[in-house]
Every structure is written in C-alpha cells, then in structure tokens.
Amino acid sequence: MNGLLEWALTNAALAPSAPRWRAIWERAPELSPTELAELDRALAHWPDGSRVAHAASLEDGPQPAHALVRRLELEQGVVDAALVRAVLGSEHTARVSSLALFSMETQLDAIRVLADAAPAALRELQLAGDAIADDASEILAASALPIRVLTFEGATTNRSVRAIAAGTGLPALDHLQYHDVQVDDEGVVALAASERMARLGTLRISYAQVGRAGAEALASTRPSRLEHLDLGLNHVGHEGARALVASSALTSLRSLHLSENRLGGPGVRALAEHCSLERLAELSLSYNQDSNRLLDPDSMVGTDGVRALAAARWLRTVERLELAGNAIGDEGMDALCTSPNLGGLRELDVADNQLGSRGVAALLASSVIDQLKKLRIELNELGDDARDALFDACEARGIALVA
C-alpha cells in the first residue's frame, strides 16, 4: 500500500479533529482517484462540518481532492455566478453538504445560480456579513433548494425573516438560524404567524432585538413541532419568558436558550412556577441580570431565583443546565445540590456565580456529583483546598471539569 495512503487511513480512523483534517487535506492532492475514494470511505464517520475546504483551494477550480470535502467556506474574494456554477457543476464537489458564503463580495447572481442548480447533497447554507442577505432571502424563499439548515449572520433585517416566513420554497427547511442581526419583534411576529413556523424543528434568533412581543407571538402560534428554541442575547424579559414556558404550542421543546435576556429573579421564578415543558432536556439561563432594575436586589437571579428553580418538578427531565453569571452564591448552590429534581442532570454550568468553598462542599456531599459528565465552575473564588478536592472528585468520576 502507498505509504501516504496508509498514513492517511490511519489518521482517518482516529477521532475527528481540525489539526488531523488539515494534515490529511494538505497531502490529499498527492493521492490517486482510487486512493481518494478509499480515504473517503475511511472518513465516513467524521462529521461533515469537520471536512472543510476554503476559498483559496478553489483558485484553479474544483480538484479531485475536493471529493473528500463536505463543507466549503467561501470567505474571501468575489463570490459570483461563475464561481458558484463551477463549484456546483463539478463532480469533485457533488457531495458537499454544507456551503458557507462569508465573503463581503458575494454577488446576488451567485445566489440565483445556487437557488437554481444546487446539488442534491446540499443540506446546509450559511450567509454571513453579507449586505445582500435580505435580497438573497427572497430568492431562497421561493426556491426548491433541498437544504435543511439555513443560517444568517450579520447585515440581516426583518425583511429576511418576513421573506422566509412567507416563502413557499425550501421544502426541507427544518433549522432556521439568525445570529447578530437587526431582527426584532416585527420579524418574529411574522414568522410565528406563518405556515413555515409549523414545519420548523429548530429556531435560533440570537444577539438580536427580540422582546416580550416576539416571545408572546411564538408562544401563541399554532401547535408546532419545534424542539429547539434559542433566543439568547435578546431582551425577552420575565413576562416574555413566562409566556414561552407556559405555551401550549411549544410542548415539544427539548432545549430552550434564554441566556442574557434580562430575566432577573422575577423571570426565573415565573419560569419555575409556570413551565409546562415536559420534554425539556436543555435549559440555558446564564447572565440574566435585569438591566432595567439595577438598583433592585431582584435584578439578579440570585439565591431566591435558583431556589425556586431547584424546586420545580419539571426540572427532572433536564440534562444540561446553564446558570453562569447569576450570583447564586453558596446558598443557591446548596439549593441546587439538595433538590430532588436533578436526577437527570448530566451537565452543569455555574461559572462566575460568587461561589466559594461552601458551594463546593455542597456539591461534593450531594448525589449530583455522581451523575455529572461535565461541570463548568470557573471564575469563582473556590479556595485552594476546595479546588483540589473538586479536581480529585471529578477525576475519580471521569467528569470533564472547567474550573
């Protein structure tokens, strides 16, 4: 066997990693088509997102080695119709499943070509930092593209959300994601009222301007199959959060991200009291200080908020709980660790929470430590002895620790 192929196959059989992929990709052009096909089979267990090539690799057009690639990132230079046509029309890139257009010079004609001639294998499209995103949304929304995942980042407004909501194309779309965008309640209200909403499994609108009205619109939509909702880094507030968790339309939710949404103590207590999400497995509530009431002790989630959360019976289905930056203190940690409702917990994030040795002692004395797979507790003044005891306990139990 070719020594290079043997080396590549050995690396392909190992756990996926970015350095390992870079090494394989750099030497792949030296392999014959038959050897590339064998290597491609060996890489079958790698996630598509880890098998990535960038714009620079396409300077001479798609090459045989691109048959190994599953994700293309075009982040520099002009992305025009000719480039997209060359990529989509090549047998070497026919198995690309994820396409990211990060270039600030992406042209609208490139989107038109993509909408008309995307390969059947394409399942994910990402547009980032692109001034044409709103226009592109209107083209994509009417297309028969087979993508399941559509992501917009930056330079996107309510116009994009309205277009996607009203569009009759994108028949397979399941994941709709917006991050760092100029989207507010207007866009969310339009989406919530659309037929599109009922077909989504994942919705992420994060680092935007979604408030109470947007959250209430989502809560009052027709029953949906939505399993994952991420509204992180918005300003939903406690009333918006309460509407979401009490919604009869969102009962399929398995993950809910409401970090940095100004919930404060009232928001978390309302969530604890009114939540009816019986399938919830992941809950993110990190950094939820209410900036509108900074002088009020309830501006932070604090001990009282986390105590109310720990008493909620619906928490029993939660496997991952993120509470970083909420000033829960040692008493709040004790409330969590003595709760009878954390039997399913596997991952816990209590970083930056004013914890000390008492909080660590509460954790080590509880059954929670025996069931965790991952613990994040950095940015706390634990003290050397408590930190050492925590390291030893986590090492003995195989817990991934960030401290």
Protein backbone atom coordinates (compact mmCIF):
# COMPACT_ATOMS: atom_id res chain seq x y z
CA MET A 1 0.00 0.00 0.00
CA ASN A 2 1.14 3.53 -0.75
CA GLY A 3 2.82 4.85 2.40
CA LEU A 4 0.97 8.13 2.15
CA LEU A 5 -2.39 6.37 1.81
CA GLU A 6 -1.58 4.16 4.79
CA TRP A 7 -0.75 7.26 6.86
CA ALA A 8 -3.96 9.00 5.75
CA LEU A 9 -6.11 5.95 6.51
CA THR A 10 -4.55 5.63 9.96
CA ASN A 11 -5.41 9.26 10.73
CA ALA A 12 -8.89 8.93 9.25
CA ALA A 13 -9.64 6.06 11.63
CA LEU A 14 -8.87 8.26 14.65
CA ALA A 15 -11.17 10.77 16.36
CA PRO A 16 -12.04 13.77 14.16
CA SER A 17 -10.05 16.94 14.86
CA ALA A 18 -9.20 20.11 12.98
CA PRO A 19 -5.39 19.56 13.02
CA ARG A 20 -5.81 15.98 11.82
CA TRP A 21 -8.09 17.08 8.99
CA ARG A 22 -5.67 19.84 7.93
CA ALA A 23 -2.85 17.32 7.72
CA ILE A 24 -4.94 14.92 5.63
CA TRP A 25 -6.25 17.68 3.38
CA GLU A 26 -2.80 19.16 2.70
CA ARG A 27 -1.49 15.82 1.39
CA ALA A 28 -4.66 14.57 -0.30
CA PRO A 29 -3.74 16.03 -3.74
CA GLU A 30 -0.88 13.51 -3.86
CA LEU A 31 -3.31 10.57 -3.91
CA SER A 32 -4.81 8.93 -6.99
CA PRO A 33 -8.60 8.93 -7.58
CA THR A 34 -8.78 5.29 -6.41
CA GLU A 35 -6.86 6.13 -3.25
CA LEU A 36 -9.01 9.20 -2.63
CA ALA A 37 -12.12 7.03 -2.86
CA GLU A 38 -10.69 4.61 -0.28
CA LEU A 39 -9.78 7.50 2.02
CA ASP A 40 -13.26 8.99 1.59
CA ARG A 41 -14.80 5.74 2.83
CA ALA A 42 -12.47 5.77 5.83
CA LEU A 43 -13.62 9.30 6.68
CA ALA A 44 -17.30 8.35 6.67
CA HIS A 45 -17.55 8.53 10.48
CA TRP A 46 -16.30 12.15 10.55
CA PRO A 47 -18.94 14.88 10.84
CA ASP A 48 -19.48 16.77 7.61
CA GLY A 49 -18.59 20.05 9.32
CA SER A 50 -15.09 18.83 10.12
CA ARG A 51 -14.21 18.09 6.49
CA VAL A 52 -13.82 21.67 5.32
CA ALA A 53 -12.09 23.50 2.46
CA HIS A 54 -11.76 27.24 1.96
CA ALA A 55 -11.97 29.61 -0.98
CA ALA A 56 -8.23 29.51 -1.62
CA SER A 57 -8.43 25.83 -2.53
CA LEU A 58 -10.66 26.69 -5.49
CA GLU A 59 -8.26 29.08 -7.25
CA ASP A 60 -7.75 26.52 -10.02
CA GLY A 61 -11.30 25.21 -9.81
CA PRO A 62 -12.53 22.06 -8.03
CA GLN A 63 -9.91 19.31 -7.94
CA PRO A 64 -10.16 15.53 -7.34
CA ALA A 65 -9.19 16.00 -3.67
CA HIS A 66 -12.35 18.03 -3.16
CA ALA A 67 -14.21 14.71 -3.23
CA LEU A 68 -13.16 14.40 0.43
CA VAL A 69 -14.71 17.76 1.34
CA ARG A 70 -18.18 18.09 2.82
CA ARG A 71 -18.13 21.78 3.80
CA LEU A 72 -16.98 24.67 1.61
CA GLU A 73 -16.31 28.09 3.14
CA LEU A 74 -16.01 30.92 0.63
CA GLU A 75 -14.78 33.68 2.90
CA GLN A 76 -12.69 35.86 0.62
CA GLY A 77 -12.66 37.30 -2.86
CA VAL A 78 -15.58 37.72 -5.23
CA VAL A 79 -18.22 35.00 -4.99
CA ASP A 80 -20.01 35.41 -8.29
CA ALA A 81 -22.22 33.32 -10.54
CA ALA A 82 -19.24 31.85 -12.40
CA LEU A 83 -17.59 30.57 -9.21
CA VAL A 84 -20.79 29.07 -7.83
CA ARG A 85 -21.60 27.50 -11.19
CA ALA A 86 -18.13 25.93 -11.32
CA VAL A 87 -18.45 24.57 -7.79
CA LEU A 88 -21.97 23.23 -8.25
CA GLY A 89 -21.24 21.73 -11.65
CA SER A 90 -18.15 19.76 -10.69
CA GLU A 91 -18.21 16.04 -9.99
CA HIS A 92 -15.49 16.66 -7.40
CA THR A 93 -17.78 18.77 -5.19
CA ALA A 94 -21.01 16.87 -5.80
CA ARG A 95 -21.03 15.55 -2.23
CA VAL A 96 -20.60 18.88 -0.46
CA SER A 97 -23.39 19.08 2.12
CA SER A 98 -22.60 22.46 3.69
CA LEU A 99 -21.85 25.75 1.93
CA ALA A 100 -20.85 28.92 3.79
CA LEU A 101 -20.74 32.24 1.95
CA PHE A 102 -18.77 34.52 4.26
CA SER A 103 -17.31 36.84 1.64
CA MET A 104 -18.30 40.51 1.75
CA GLU A 105 -18.16 40.35 -2.06
CA THR A 106 -20.84 37.73 -2.61
CA GLN A 107 -22.99 38.78 -5.56
CA LEU A 108 -26.72 38.28 -5.88
CA ASP A 109 -26.28 36.40 -9.17
CA ALA A 110 -24.39 33.75 -7.20
CA ILE A 111 -27.46 33.21 -5.03
CA ARG A 112 -29.67 32.90 -8.13
CA VAL A 113 -27.40 30.20 -9.54
CA LEU A 114 -27.35 28.43 -6.21
CA ALA A 115 -31.13 28.52 -5.96
CA ASP A 116 -31.49 27.02 -9.45
CA ALA A 117 -28.71 24.42 -9.51
CA ALA A 118 -27.76 23.26 -6.01
CA PRO A 119 -26.53 19.65 -5.77
CA ALA A 120 -28.88 17.15 -4.16
CA ALA A 121 -26.37 16.56 -1.35
CA LEU A 122 -26.50 20.18 -0.13
CA ARG A 123 -28.19 20.32 3.27
CA GLU A 124 -26.85 23.49 4.90
CA LEU A 125 -26.38 27.08 3.70
CA GLN A 126 -24.81 29.85 5.75
CA LEU A 127 -24.70 33.53 4.77
CA ALA A 128 -22.62 35.81 6.97
CA GLY A 129 -21.75 39.51 6.99
CA ASP A 130 -23.42 39.90 3.65
CA ALA A 131 -25.12 43.09 2.52
CA ILE A 132 -27.22 41.11 0.03
CA ALA A 133 -28.74 38.87 2.71
CA ASP A 134 -32.21 40.41 2.58
CA ASP A 135 -32.38 40.19 -1.23
CA ALA A 136 -30.92 36.69 -1.08
CA SER A 137 -33.63 35.65 1.38
CA GLU A 138 -36.35 36.49 -1.13
CA ILE A 139 -34.65 34.39 -3.81
CA LEU A 140 -34.02 31.46 -1.48
CA ALA A 141 -37.53 31.52 -0.01
CA ALA A 142 -39.03 30.83 -3.43
CA SER A 143 -36.50 28.17 -4.44
CA ALA A 144 -36.62 24.37 -4.35
CA LEU A 145 -33.26 24.16 -2.58
CA PRO A 146 -33.02 20.89 -0.61
CA ILE A 147 -31.33 22.50 2.41
CA ARG A 148 -32.43 21.60 5.94
CA VAL A 149 -30.35 24.27 7.73
CA LEU A 150 -30.35 27.97 6.78
CA THR A 151 -28.24 30.41 8.79
CA PHE A 152 -27.85 34.19 8.54
CA GLU A 153 -25.24 36.14 10.48
CA GLY A 154 -24.98 39.94 10.45
CA ALA A 155 -26.37 42.52 7.99
CA THR A 156 -29.82 40.92 8.08
CA THR A 157 -33.11 42.60 8.97
CA ASN A 158 -36.79 41.80 9.49
CA ARG A 159 -37.14 41.77 5.72
CA SER A 160 -35.25 38.48 5.59
CA VAL A 161 -37.41 36.87 8.27
CA ARG A 162 -40.60 38.04 6.55
CA ALA A 163 -39.40 36.64 3.22
CA ILE A 164 -38.52 33.24 4.65
CA ALA A 165 -41.79 33.16 6.60
CA ALA A 166 -43.92 33.92 3.54
CA GLY A 167 -41.95 31.88 1.02
CA THR A 168 -43.38 28.69 -0.42
CA GLY A 169 -40.00 27.18 -1.32
CA LEU A 170 -37.29 25.48 0.77
CA PRO A 171 -39.44 22.37 1.26
CA ALA A 172 -36.95 20.58 3.52
CA LEU A 173 -36.08 23.53 5.78
CA ASP A 174 -36.01 22.40 9.41
CA HIS A 175 -33.40 24.65 11.09
CA LEU A 176 -33.71 28.44 10.70
CA GLN A 177 -31.00 30.45 12.42
CA TYR A 178 -30.25 34.17 12.75
CA HIS A 179 -27.33 35.50 14.81
CA ASP A 180 -26.06 39.04 15.36
CA VAL A 181 -28.79 40.51 13.17
CA GLN A 182 -31.12 43.50 13.11
CA VAL A 183 -34.21 41.42 13.75
CA ASP A 184 -36.82 42.45 16.30
CA ASP A 185 -40.39 41.63 17.30
CA GLU A 186 -41.79 42.60 13.89
CA GLY A 187 -39.91 39.81 12.15
CA VAL A 188 -40.67 37.24 14.84
CA VAL A 189 -44.38 38.07 14.79
CA ALA A 190 -44.46 37.49 11.02
CA LEU A 191 -42.66 34.17 11.37
CA ALA A 192 -44.87 32.99 14.23
CA ALA A 193 -47.99 33.59 12.13
CA SER A 194 -46.69 31.74 9.08
CA GLU A 195 -47.12 28.20 7.77
CA ARG A 196 -43.33 27.93 7.87
CA MET A 197 -43.32 28.02 11.67
CA ALA A 198 -45.28 24.79 11.96
CA ARG A 199 -42.58 22.93 9.96
CA LEU A 200 -39.50 24.09 11.88
CA GLY A 201 -37.69 21.84 14.31
CA THR A 202 -35.09 24.44 15.35
CA LEU A 203 -35.36 28.23 15.56
CA ARG A 204 -32.49 30.43 16.65
CA ILE A 205 -32.71 34.21 16.72
CA SER A 206 -29.84 35.29 18.95
CA TYR A 207 -27.95 38.51 19.58
CA ALA A 208 -30.87 40.47 18.14
CA GLN A 209 -33.62 42.76 19.47
CA VAL A 210 -36.40 40.30 20.22
CA GLY A 211 -38.51 41.38 23.19
CA ARG A 212 -41.68 40.44 25.00
CA ALA A 213 -43.95 40.83 21.95
CA GLY A 214 -41.84 38.46 19.88
CA ALA A 215 -41.74 35.88 22.65
CA GLU A 216 -45.50 36.10 23.16
CA ALA A 217 -46.08 35.69 19.42
CA LEU A 218 -44.03 32.49 19.42
CA ALA A 219 -45.90 31.28 22.48
CA SER A 220 -49.29 31.86 20.88
CA THR A 221 -48.51 30.33 17.50
CA ARG A 222 -50.35 27.27 16.24
CA PRO A 223 -49.07 23.97 17.72
CA SER A 224 -45.64 23.28 16.25
CA ARG A 225 -43.03 20.55 16.09
CA LEU A 226 -40.34 22.93 17.37
CA GLU A 227 -37.81 21.10 19.56
CA HIS A 228 -35.04 23.67 19.90
CA LEU A 229 -35.58 27.39 20.56
CA ASP A 230 -32.66 29.77 21.08
CA LEU A 231 -33.43 33.41 21.90
CA GLY A 232 -30.13 34.10 23.64
CA LEU A 233 -28.84 37.69 23.87
CA ASN A 234 -32.16 39.44 23.37
CA HIS A 235 -34.45 41.25 25.81
CA VAL A 236 -37.35 38.87 26.25
CA GLY A 237 -37.82 39.83 29.92
CA HIS A 238 -39.66 37.90 32.59
CA GLU A 239 -43.13 38.23 31.04
CA GLY A 240 -41.91 37.01 27.67
CA ALA A 241 -40.12 34.07 29.29
CA ARG A 242 -43.22 33.15 31.25
CA ALA A 243 -45.31 33.12 28.07
CA LEU A 244 -42.84 30.83 26.33
CA VAL A 245 -42.62 28.17 29.02
CA ALA A 246 -46.37 28.16 29.65
CA SER A 247 -47.23 27.89 25.95
CA SER A 248 -49.48 25.06 24.79
CA ALA A 249 -47.96 25.41 21.31
CA LEU A 250 -44.36 24.69 22.30
CA THR A 251 -44.79 21.48 24.27
CA SER A 252 -42.31 19.63 22.02
CA LEU A 253 -39.38 21.81 23.14
CA ARG A 254 -36.33 19.85 24.23
CA SER A 255 -33.95 22.81 24.50
CA LEU A 256 -34.58 26.42 25.46
CA HIS A 257 -31.87 29.08 25.47
CA LEU A 258 -32.74 32.33 27.23
CA SER A 259 -29.31 33.50 28.35
CA GLU A 260 -28.79 37.26 28.61
CA ASN A 261 -32.47 38.14 28.37
CA ARG A 262 -32.92 40.41 31.40
CA LEU A 263 -34.98 37.87 33.31
CA GLY A 264 -33.68 38.71 36.77
CA GLY A 265 -35.17 36.98 39.80
CA PRO A 266 -38.81 37.50 38.76
CA GLY A 267 -38.19 35.91 35.36
CA VAL A 268 -36.62 32.75 36.71
CA ARG A 269 -39.25 32.42 39.45
CA ALA A 270 -42.02 32.84 36.86
CA LEU A 271 -40.34 30.26 34.68
CA ALA A 272 -40.04 27.84 37.60
CA GLU A 273 -43.69 28.25 38.56
CA HIS A 274 -45.38 28.24 35.16
CA CYS A 275 -43.26 25.96 32.97
CA SER A 276 -45.24 23.20 31.24
CA LEU A 277 -42.43 21.89 29.01
CA GLU A 278 -42.45 18.21 29.92
CA ARG A 279 -39.75 17.15 27.45
CA LEU A 280 -37.18 19.84 28.24
CA ALA A 281 -33.65 18.41 28.34
CA GLU A 282 -31.53 21.56 27.99
CA LEU A 283 -32.05 24.93 29.65
CA SER A 284 -29.74 27.93 29.36
CA LEU A 285 -30.33 30.90 31.69
CA SER A 286 -26.82 32.35 32.03
CA TYR A 287 -26.14 36.05 32.73
CA ASN A 288 -29.71 37.13 33.25
CA GLN A 289 -29.33 40.37 35.15
CA ASP A 290 -32.26 42.70 34.51
CA SER A 291 -30.57 45.94 33.45
CA ASN A 292 -33.88 47.82 33.78
CA ARG A 293 -33.85 47.41 37.58
CA LEU A 294 -30.18 47.53 38.54
CA LEU A 295 -30.87 49.05 41.97
CA ASP A 296 -33.35 46.32 42.84
CA PRO A 297 -31.93 43.18 44.55
CA ASP A 298 -34.18 41.19 42.21
CA SER A 299 -32.22 42.45 39.21
CA MET A 300 -30.07 39.30 39.60
CA VAL A 301 -31.39 35.75 39.58
CA GLY A 302 -29.65 35.27 42.91
CA THR A 303 -30.25 32.70 45.62
CA ASP A 304 -34.04 33.12 45.68
CA GLY A 305 -34.34 32.65 41.94
CA VAL A 306 -32.25 29.50 41.81
CA ARG A 307 -34.01 28.14 44.91
CA ALA A 308 -37.34 28.48 43.11
CA LEU A 309 -35.87 26.82 40.04
CA ALA A 310 -34.49 23.92 42.06
CA ALA A 311 -37.97 23.28 43.49
CA ALA A 312 -39.59 22.90 40.06
CA ARG A 313 -40.64 19.33 39.36
CA TRP A 314 -40.34 19.78 35.59
CA LEU A 315 -36.58 20.17 36.08
CA ARG A 316 -36.38 16.37 36.37
CA THR A 317 -36.10 15.93 32.61
CA VAL A 318 -33.29 18.50 32.26
CA GLU A 319 -29.91 17.01 31.40
CA ARG A 320 -27.99 20.23 30.76
CA LEU A 321 -28.44 23.34 32.91
CA GLU A 322 -26.55 26.61 32.33
CA LEU A 323 -26.71 29.19 35.13
CA ALA A 324 -23.42 31.10 34.74
CA GLY A 325 -23.19 34.70 35.92
CA ASN A 326 -26.33 34.80 38.05
CA ALA A 327 -24.91 35.49 41.54
CA ILE A 328 -26.49 32.38 43.02
CA GLY A 329 -23.86 32.14 45.77
CA ASP A 330 -23.15 29.20 48.07
CA GLU A 331 -26.74 29.08 49.33
CA GLY A 332 -28.04 28.84 45.80
CA MET A 333 -25.57 26.04 45.07
CA ASP A 334 -26.77 24.23 48.15
CA ALA A 335 -30.38 24.57 46.96
CA LEU A 336 -29.44 23.00 43.64
CA CYS A 337 -27.47 20.17 45.19
CA THR A 338 -30.21 19.23 47.66
CA SER A 339 -33.01 19.42 45.09
CA PRO A 340 -34.88 16.16 44.45
CA ASN A 341 -35.45 17.31 40.86
CA LEU A 342 -31.97 16.98 39.37
CA GLY A 343 -31.89 13.24 38.84
CA GLY A 344 -31.42 13.59 35.10
CA LEU A 345 -28.70 16.25 35.20
CA ARG A 346 -25.52 15.43 33.30
CA GLU A 347 -24.02 18.87 32.53
CA LEU A 348 -23.96 21.86 34.89
CA ASP A 349 -22.59 25.35 34.30
CA VAL A 350 -22.30 27.50 37.44
CA ALA A 351 -19.32 29.64 36.38
CA ASP A 352 -18.99 33.21 37.68
CA ASN A 353 -21.55 32.80 40.45
CA GLN A 354 -19.84 34.07 43.63
CA LEU A 355 -19.25 30.52 44.79
CA GLY A 356 -16.75 29.58 47.49
CA SER A 357 -15.68 26.52 49.44
CA ARG A 358 -19.16 26.07 50.92
CA GLY A 359 -20.65 25.72 47.48
CA VAL A 360 -18.06 23.12 46.54
CA ALA A 361 -18.72 21.23 49.78
CA ALA A 362 -22.44 21.16 48.99
CA LEU A 363 -21.74 19.72 45.56
CA LEU A 364 -19.30 17.09 46.83
CA ALA A 365 -21.74 15.98 49.54
CA SER A 366 -24.60 15.52 47.05
CA SER A 367 -25.62 12.81 44.60
CA VAL A 368 -25.33 15.38 41.79
CA ILE A 369 -21.57 14.93 41.61
CA ASP A 370 -22.03 11.22 40.93
CA GLN A 371 -24.18 11.72 37.86
CA LEU A 372 -22.41 14.63 36.14
CA LYS A 373 -20.46 14.20 32.92
CA LYS A 374 -19.40 17.86 32.61
CA LEU A 375 -19.03 20.68 35.14
CA ARG A 376 -18.10 24.32 34.49
CA ILE A 377 -17.31 26.24 37.67
CA GLU A 378 -14.59 28.70 36.63
CA LEU A 379 -14.48 32.37 37.65
CA ASN A 380 -15.36 31.56 41.27
CA GLU A 381 -13.22 32.06 44.39
CA LEU A 382 -13.23 28.44 45.49
CA GLY A 383 -10.05 28.39 47.55
CA ASP A 384 -7.14 26.00 47.01
CA ASP A 385 -8.37 23.19 49.25
CA ALA A 386 -11.87 23.17 47.78
CA ARG A 387 -10.49 23.35 44.24
CA ASP A 388 -8.15 20.40 44.89
CA ALA A 389 -10.99 18.35 46.37
CA LEU A 390 -13.15 19.15 43.35
CA PHE A 391 -10.41 18.19 40.91
CA ASP A 392 -9.92 14.87 42.70
CA ALA A 393 -13.64 14.10 42.76
CA CYS A 394 -14.09 14.92 39.08
CA GLU A 395 -11.04 12.93 38.05
CA ALA A 396 -12.25 9.90 40.00
CA ARG A 397 -15.65 10.06 38.29
CA GLY A 398 -14.48 10.94 34.79
CA ILE A 399 -16.18 14.36 34.85
CA ALA A 400 -14.97 16.91 32.30
CA LEU A 401 -14.14 19.89 34.53
CA VAL A 402 -13.64 23.54 33.62
CA ALA A 403 -12.52 25.33 36.79
